[in-house]
Amino acid sequence: MILCHIVPENDWKNALEEGSYQPPSLQSEGFIHFSTPQQVIKTANRFYAHQSGLLLLLVDTTHLTAELLYEKGEGSNEVFPHLYGALNLGAVEDVLPFPVNPDGSFQIPAKWRCME
């Protein structure tokens, strides 16, 4: 199964240098937030509106080395994937530019639509 994670480009560059991805949420909340492909645009528009310099990581769950749990989102009945540990780079299947639209919203990158 493929999951999505939105990441600032500079944070991803640092992860490549360090050998794993460990965003601030791992320290502050104990996990890394992910979205299913069906959830990612809603997540992007809610938490990243008007932000530029983002990438969309496509992660293959069969290659994860940390524990993945599906849990209710805060203030929601919707279930989201949470990774309880660093994201190992070998699980990242693709990294796509995730540009913001002129109105500040997001849409699925064209390359991804072609792969579906």
Foldseek 3Di string as FASTA:
>chain_A
DKKKDKDAQVQVVVCVVVQWHDDPCCVVVQWGWIAHPVCVQVVCCVPPFPHARMKMWIFAVVPFPFDWDWAADVPGNHTTIIGRDIGGPVRGPDIGHWGADPRRGTDPDPVVVVVD
